[in-house]
Amino acid sequence: MHIVIRGSFRTRADVLGLIGRAAWGSERPAPTNLDGLADLIKETGLRSIIIQGTWAVDEKTASAINRICGDLGVSLRLPAGTDPAS
């Protein structure tokens, strides 16, 4: 599965909410923590996440999301000029 999400990303909840809706629609609630993100990736077979819009997530959260994606073999593509760890 490959997803593209668009929006303004400032918090972990913003990112997880849109990933959850893109992957599961309204069938299930979005993950609320990073363990939930890992579970979503494993359950859906997610292979890539393309983020379009404004990425203003704090460095600690961005690094954690990037690490989980990397550990599970998911390509995380952020808006041009954005450092995945910030």
N, C-alpha and C. Protein backbone atom coordinates (compact mmCIF):
# COMPACT_ATOMS: atom_id res chain seq x y z
N MET A 1 0.85 -1.17 0.00
CA MET A 1 0.00 0.00 0.00
C MET A 1 0.90 1.24 0.00
N HIS A 2 0.49 2.22 -0.77
CA HIS A 2 1.18 3.50 -0.84
C HIS A 2 0.13 4.58 -0.59
N ILE A 3 0.47 5.55 0.25
CA ILE A 3 -0.49 6.62 0.52
C ILE A 3 0.15 7.98 0.32
N VAL A 4 -0.67 8.92 -0.08
CA VAL A 4 -0.28 10.33 -0.19
C VAL A 4 -1.21 11.09 0.74
N ILE A 5 -0.63 11.88 1.63
CA ILE A 5 -1.45 12.69 2.52
C ILE A 5 -1.06 14.15 2.36
N ARG A 6 -2.08 14.99 2.40
CA ARG A 6 -1.87 16.42 2.22
C ARG A 6 -2.42 17.16 3.43
N GLY A 7 -1.70 18.18 3.83
CA GLY A 7 -2.20 18.98 4.94
C GLY A 7 -1.11 19.78 5.59
N SER A 8 -1.43 20.27 6.75
CA SER A 8 -0.48 21.02 7.57
C SER A 8 -0.15 20.14 8.77
N PHE A 9 1.09 19.75 8.89
CA PHE A 9 1.52 18.81 9.92
C PHE A 9 2.36 19.53 10.95
N ARG A 10 1.81 19.67 12.15
CA ARG A 10 2.51 20.37 13.22
C ARG A 10 2.73 19.47 14.44
N THR A 11 1.89 18.46 14.60
CA THR A 11 1.98 17.59 15.77
C THR A 11 1.96 16.13 15.35
N ARG A 12 2.32 15.28 16.29
CA ARG A 12 2.25 13.83 16.04
C ARG A 12 0.81 13.44 15.73
N ALA A 13 -0.14 14.03 16.43
CA ALA A 13 -1.56 13.71 16.19
C ALA A 13 -1.97 14.06 14.76
N ASP A 14 -1.46 15.18 14.23
CA ASP A 14 -1.76 15.54 12.83
C ASP A 14 -1.30 14.44 11.88
N VAL A 15 -0.06 14.00 12.07
CA VAL A 15 0.53 13.00 11.18
C VAL A 15 -0.20 11.67 11.31
N LEU A 16 -0.34 11.20 12.54
CA LEU A 16 -0.98 9.89 12.76
C LEU A 16 -2.43 9.89 12.32
N GLY A 17 -3.12 11.00 12.56
CA GLY A 17 -4.52 11.09 12.17
C GLY A 17 -4.71 10.96 10.68
N LEU A 18 -3.90 11.66 9.91
CA LEU A 18 -4.05 11.59 8.46
C LEU A 18 -3.56 10.27 7.88
N ILE A 19 -2.50 9.71 8.45
CA ILE A 19 -2.06 8.38 8.00
C ILE A 19 -3.15 7.35 8.29
N GLY A 20 -3.72 7.42 9.48
CA GLY A 20 -4.79 6.48 9.85
C GLY A 20 -5.99 6.58 8.93
N ARG A 21 -6.43 7.80 8.65
CA ARG A 21 -7.58 7.98 7.75
C ARG A 21 -7.27 7.50 6.34
N ALA A 22 -6.05 7.76 5.88
CA ALA A 22 -5.67 7.33 4.53
C ALA A 22 -5.61 5.81 4.43
N ALA A 23 -5.14 5.16 5.48
CA ALA A 23 -4.98 3.70 5.45
C ALA A 23 -6.28 2.97 5.76
N TRP A 24 -7.04 3.46 6.73
CA TRP A 24 -8.21 2.73 7.21
C TRP A 24 -9.53 3.42 6.92
N GLY A 25 -9.51 4.65 6.45
CA GLY A 25 -10.76 5.37 6.25
C GLY A 25 -11.44 5.59 7.59
N SER A 26 -12.74 5.46 7.61
CA SER A 26 -13.47 5.66 8.87
C SER A 26 -13.75 4.33 9.57
N GLU A 27 -13.20 3.25 9.03
CA GLU A 27 -13.43 1.92 9.59
C GLU A 27 -12.86 1.77 11.00
N ARG A 28 -11.72 2.40 11.22
CA ARG A 28 -11.02 2.28 12.50
C ARG A 28 -10.48 3.63 12.91
N PRO A 29 -10.29 3.84 14.20
CA PRO A 29 -9.68 5.10 14.62
C PRO A 29 -8.20 5.14 14.24
N ALA A 30 -7.70 6.33 14.04
CA ALA A 30 -6.28 6.51 13.73
C ALA A 30 -5.43 6.14 14.94
N PRO A 31 -4.19 5.74 14.72
CA PRO A 31 -3.31 5.46 15.85
C PRO A 31 -3.11 6.73 16.69
N THR A 32 -2.91 6.53 17.97
CA THR A 32 -2.70 7.67 18.86
C THR A 32 -1.27 7.73 19.40
N ASN A 33 -0.48 6.72 19.07
CA ASN A 33 0.91 6.71 19.52
C ASN A 33 1.77 6.00 18.48
N LEU A 34 3.07 6.00 18.72
CA LEU A 34 3.99 5.45 17.73
C LEU A 34 3.90 3.93 17.63
N ASP A 35 3.56 3.25 18.71
CA ASP A 35 3.33 1.80 18.64
C ASP A 35 2.14 1.51 17.72
N GLY A 36 1.13 2.36 17.81
CA GLY A 36 -0.03 2.21 16.94
C GLY A 36 0.33 2.42 15.48
N LEU A 37 1.24 3.37 15.21
CA LEU A 37 1.71 3.58 13.84
C LEU A 37 2.41 2.33 13.33
N ALA A 38 3.26 1.75 14.16
CA ALA A 38 3.96 0.52 13.76
C ALA A 38 2.96 -0.59 13.47
N ASP A 39 1.94 -0.72 14.31
CA ASP A 39 0.91 -1.74 14.07
C ASP A 39 0.18 -1.50 12.76
N LEU A 40 -0.17 -0.23 12.49
CA LEU A 40 -0.85 0.11 11.23
C LEU A 40 0.00 -0.30 10.04
N ILE A 41 1.28 0.03 10.09
CA ILE A 41 2.19 -0.31 8.99
C ILE A 41 2.22 -1.82 8.77
N LYS A 42 2.34 -2.57 9.84
CA LYS A 42 2.40 -4.03 9.72
C LYS A 42 1.09 -4.61 9.21
N GLU A 43 -0.03 -4.13 9.73
CA GLU A 43 -1.34 -4.67 9.36
C GLU A 43 -1.73 -4.36 7.92
N THR A 44 -1.34 -3.19 7.44
CA THR A 44 -1.76 -2.77 6.10
C THR A 44 -0.74 -3.09 5.02
N GLY A 45 0.48 -3.44 5.42
CA GLY A 45 1.53 -3.67 4.43
C GLY A 45 1.98 -2.38 3.77
N LEU A 46 1.83 -1.28 4.49
CA LEU A 46 2.20 0.03 3.97
C LEU A 46 3.66 0.03 3.52
N ARG A 47 3.92 0.53 2.31
CA ARG A 47 5.28 0.56 1.76
C ARG A 47 5.82 1.98 1.61
N SER A 48 4.92 2.95 1.40
CA SER A 48 5.42 4.32 1.28
C SER A 48 4.36 5.31 1.74
N ILE A 49 4.87 6.41 2.30
CA ILE A 49 4.03 7.52 2.73
C ILE A 49 4.61 8.77 2.08
N ILE A 50 3.80 9.44 1.29
CA ILE A 50 4.22 10.69 0.66
C ILE A 50 3.43 11.80 1.33
N ILE A 51 4.15 12.74 1.91
CA ILE A 51 3.51 13.85 2.62
C ILE A 51 3.66 15.11 1.79
N GLN A 52 2.54 15.76 1.55
CA GLN A 52 2.54 17.02 0.80
C GLN A 52 1.89 18.09 1.67
N GLY A 53 2.48 19.25 1.66
CA GLY A 53 1.93 20.35 2.46
C GLY A 53 3.01 20.96 3.33
N THR A 54 2.60 21.37 4.52
CA THR A 54 3.51 22.02 5.46
C THR A 54 3.95 21.04 6.53
N TRP A 55 5.25 20.82 6.64
CA TRP A 55 5.81 19.92 7.65
C TRP A 55 6.50 20.77 8.70
N ALA A 56 5.87 20.91 9.87
CA ALA A 56 6.42 21.70 10.96
C ALA A 56 6.41 20.89 12.26
N VAL A 57 6.63 19.60 12.14
CA VAL A 57 6.64 18.69 13.28
C VAL A 57 7.96 18.86 14.02
N ASP A 58 7.91 18.82 15.36
CA ASP A 58 9.14 19.00 16.13
C ASP A 58 10.14 17.87 15.84
N GLU A 59 11.40 18.17 16.06
CA GLU A 59 12.49 17.26 15.68
C GLU A 59 12.37 15.89 16.35
N LYS A 60 12.03 15.85 17.62
CA LYS A 60 11.92 14.58 18.35
C LYS A 60 10.85 13.69 17.72
N THR A 61 9.69 14.25 17.45
CA THR A 61 8.59 13.49 16.85
C THR A 61 8.94 13.06 15.43
N ALA A 62 9.49 13.98 14.65
CA ALA A 62 9.86 13.66 13.27
C ALA A 62 10.88 12.53 13.23
N SER A 63 11.86 12.58 14.12
CA SER A 63 12.88 11.52 14.16
C SER A 63 12.26 10.18 14.53
N ALA A 64 11.33 10.18 15.47
CA ALA A 64 10.69 8.93 15.88
C ALA A 64 9.86 8.33 14.74
N ILE A 65 9.10 9.17 14.04
CA ILE A 65 8.30 8.69 12.91
C ILE A 65 9.22 8.17 11.81
N ASN A 66 10.28 8.90 11.52
CA ASN A 66 11.24 8.49 10.50
C ASN A 66 11.89 7.15 10.88
N ARG A 67 12.24 6.98 12.16
CA ARG A 67 12.87 5.75 12.63
C ARG A 67 11.93 4.56 12.47
N ILE A 68 10.68 4.72 12.88
CA ILE A 68 9.71 3.62 12.75
C ILE A 68 9.53 3.24 11.29
N CYS A 69 9.37 4.24 10.44
CA CYS A 69 9.22 3.95 9.01
C CYS A 69 10.45 3.22 8.48
N GLY A 70 11.63 3.71 8.81
CA GLY A 70 12.87 3.08 8.35
C GLY A 70 13.01 1.66 8.85
N ASP A 71 12.71 1.45 10.13
CA ASP A 71 12.83 0.11 10.72
C ASP A 71 11.90 -0.89 10.04
N LEU A 72 10.75 -0.40 9.56
CA LEU A 72 9.76 -1.30 8.96
C LEU A 72 9.79 -1.27 7.43
N GLY A 73 10.81 -0.62 6.86
CA GLY A 73 10.98 -0.61 5.41
C GLY A 73 10.01 0.26 4.65
N VAL A 74 9.49 1.29 5.32
CA VAL A 74 8.53 2.20 4.68
C VAL A 74 9.27 3.45 4.21
N SER A 75 9.08 3.80 2.96
CA SER A 75 9.65 5.03 2.42
C SER A 75 8.80 6.20 2.88
N LEU A 76 9.43 7.15 3.56
CA LEU A 76 8.75 8.36 4.03
C LEU A 76 9.28 9.53 3.22
N ARG A 77 8.42 10.12 2.40
CA ARG A 77 8.83 11.26 1.57
C ARG A 77 8.13 12.51 2.05
N LEU A 78 8.94 13.48 2.43
CA LEU A 78 8.42 14.74 2.94
C LEU A 78 8.48 15.81 1.85
N PRO A 79 7.82 16.95 2.09
CA PRO A 79 7.86 18.03 1.10
C PRO A 79 9.30 18.42 0.76
N ALA A 80 9.52 18.84 -0.47
CA ALA A 80 10.85 19.23 -0.93
C ALA A 80 11.48 20.24 0.03
N GLY A 81 12.76 20.04 0.31
CA GLY A 81 13.48 20.95 1.18
C GLY A 81 13.29 20.68 2.66
N THR A 82 12.60 19.59 2.99
CA THR A 82 12.35 19.25 4.39
C THR A 82 13.28 18.14 4.82
N ASP A 83 13.91 18.32 5.96
CA ASP A 83 14.77 17.28 6.53
C ASP A 83 13.88 16.29 7.26
N PRO A 84 13.98 14.98 6.96
CA PRO A 84 13.11 14.00 7.62
C PRO A 84 13.23 13.98 9.13
N ALA A 85 14.33 14.48 9.65
CA ALA A 85 14.53 14.46 11.10
C ALA A 85 14.14 15.78 11.75
N SER A 86 13.53 16.68 11.00
CA SER A 86 13.12 17.95 11.62
C SER A 86 11.82 18.44 11.03
